[in-house]
């Protein structure tokens, strides 16, 4: 969660390895990770494992109200 909470380059796909798992995540226009694939990277570059989506909700002043990761199913 600490690695996913950091800001990254906006609107990009970031690949990394963490504790023996391959991670690939997409960032939004602000650089927040919003879509995560975790598992093992296949020869074609896709990750076989699990897919997660992140919900970020802000109040009118731009303060973060909700930060929630949800399992969306298998990633192939």
Protein backbone atom coordinates (compact mmCIF):
# COMPACT_ATOMS: atom_id res chain seq x y z
CA UNK A 1 0.00 0.00 0.00
CA UNK A 2 2.91 2.31 0.69
CA UNK A 3 4.24 1.92 -2.87
CA UNK A 4 0.78 2.38 -4.38
CA UNK A 5 0.11 5.52 -2.32
CA UNK A 6 3.01 7.41 -3.86
CA UNK A 7 2.39 9.75 -6.78
CA UNK A 8 3.74 8.56 -10.14
CA UNK A 9 3.81 10.00 -13.65
CA UNK A 10 0.26 10.93 -14.77
CA UNK A 11 -1.65 8.64 -17.16
CA UNK A 12 1.01 5.92 -17.41
CA UNK A 13 1.39 2.20 -16.81
CA UNK A 14 4.03 1.37 -14.17
CA UNK A 15 5.66 -2.08 -13.83
CA UNK A 16 7.56 -3.30 -10.77
CA UNK A 17 8.32 -6.41 -8.71
CA UNK A 18 7.40 -6.56 -5.02
CA UNK A 19 7.92 -9.58 -2.73
CA UNK A 20 8.10 -12.05 -5.62
CA UNK A 21 4.98 -10.75 -7.40
CA UNK A 22 4.90 -8.73 -10.57
CA UNK A 23 2.86 -5.53 -10.27
CA UNK A 24 1.52 -3.42 -13.07
CA UNK A 25 -0.68 -0.43 -12.39
CA UNK A 26 -2.25 2.41 -14.32
CA UNK A 27 -2.26 5.95 -12.99
CA UNK A 28 -4.87 8.68 -13.39
CA UNK A 29 -4.29 12.26 -14.57
CA UNK A 30 -3.04 13.21 -11.08
CA UNK A 31 -0.55 10.31 -10.85
CA UNK A 32 -2.55 8.17 -8.39
CA UNK A 33 -2.60 4.40 -8.95
CA UNK A 34 -6.18 3.46 -9.92
CA UNK A 35 -5.97 0.03 -11.60
CA UNK A 36 -3.68 -2.74 -10.28
CA UNK A 37 -2.70 -6.10 -11.71
CA UNK A 38 -0.77 -8.41 -9.37
CA UNK A 39 0.56 -11.89 -10.13
CA UNK A 40 3.11 -13.35 -12.52
CA UNK A 41 4.07 -11.66 -15.78
CA UNK A 42 3.67 -13.91 -18.82
CA UNK A 43 5.93 -13.92 -21.89
CA UNK A 44 3.54 -11.62 -23.78
CA UNK A 45 3.83 -8.95 -21.05
CA UNK A 46 0.38 -9.47 -19.52
CA UNK A 47 -0.03 -10.37 -15.87
CA UNK A 48 -1.88 -13.49 -14.82
CA UNK A 49 -3.27 -13.08 -11.32
CA UNK A 50 -5.70 -10.64 -9.71
CA UNK A 51 -7.13 -7.29 -10.78
CA UNK A 52 -8.00 -4.47 -8.36
CA UNK A 53 -9.66 -1.09 -8.90
CA UNK A 54 -9.28 1.93 -6.63
CA UNK A 55 -12.00 4.39 -5.66
CA UNK A 56 -10.88 7.89 -4.77
CA UNK A 57 -13.49 10.43 -3.67
CA UNK A 58 -12.77 14.06 -2.84
CA UNK A 59 -14.83 16.77 -1.15
CA UNK A 60 -15.45 20.18 -2.71
CA UNK A 61 -12.24 21.57 -1.26
CA UNK A 62 -10.14 18.77 -2.77
CA UNK A 63 -9.67 16.84 0.47
CA UNK A 64 -9.63 13.06 0.21
CA UNK A 65 -12.80 11.48 1.62
CA UNK A 66 -12.53 7.87 0.46
CA UNK A 67 -9.60 5.69 -0.65
CA UNK A 68 -10.68 2.09 -1.25
CA UNK A 69 -9.22 -0.86 -3.24
CA UNK A 70 -11.69 -3.47 -4.51
CA UNK A 71 -10.94 -6.93 -5.95
CA UNK A 72 -12.45 -7.11 -9.43
CA UNK A 73 -11.53 -10.70 -10.29
CA UNK A 74 -8.95 -12.67 -12.20
CA UNK A 75 -6.53 -11.01 -14.60
CA UNK A 76 -5.44 -13.04 -17.61
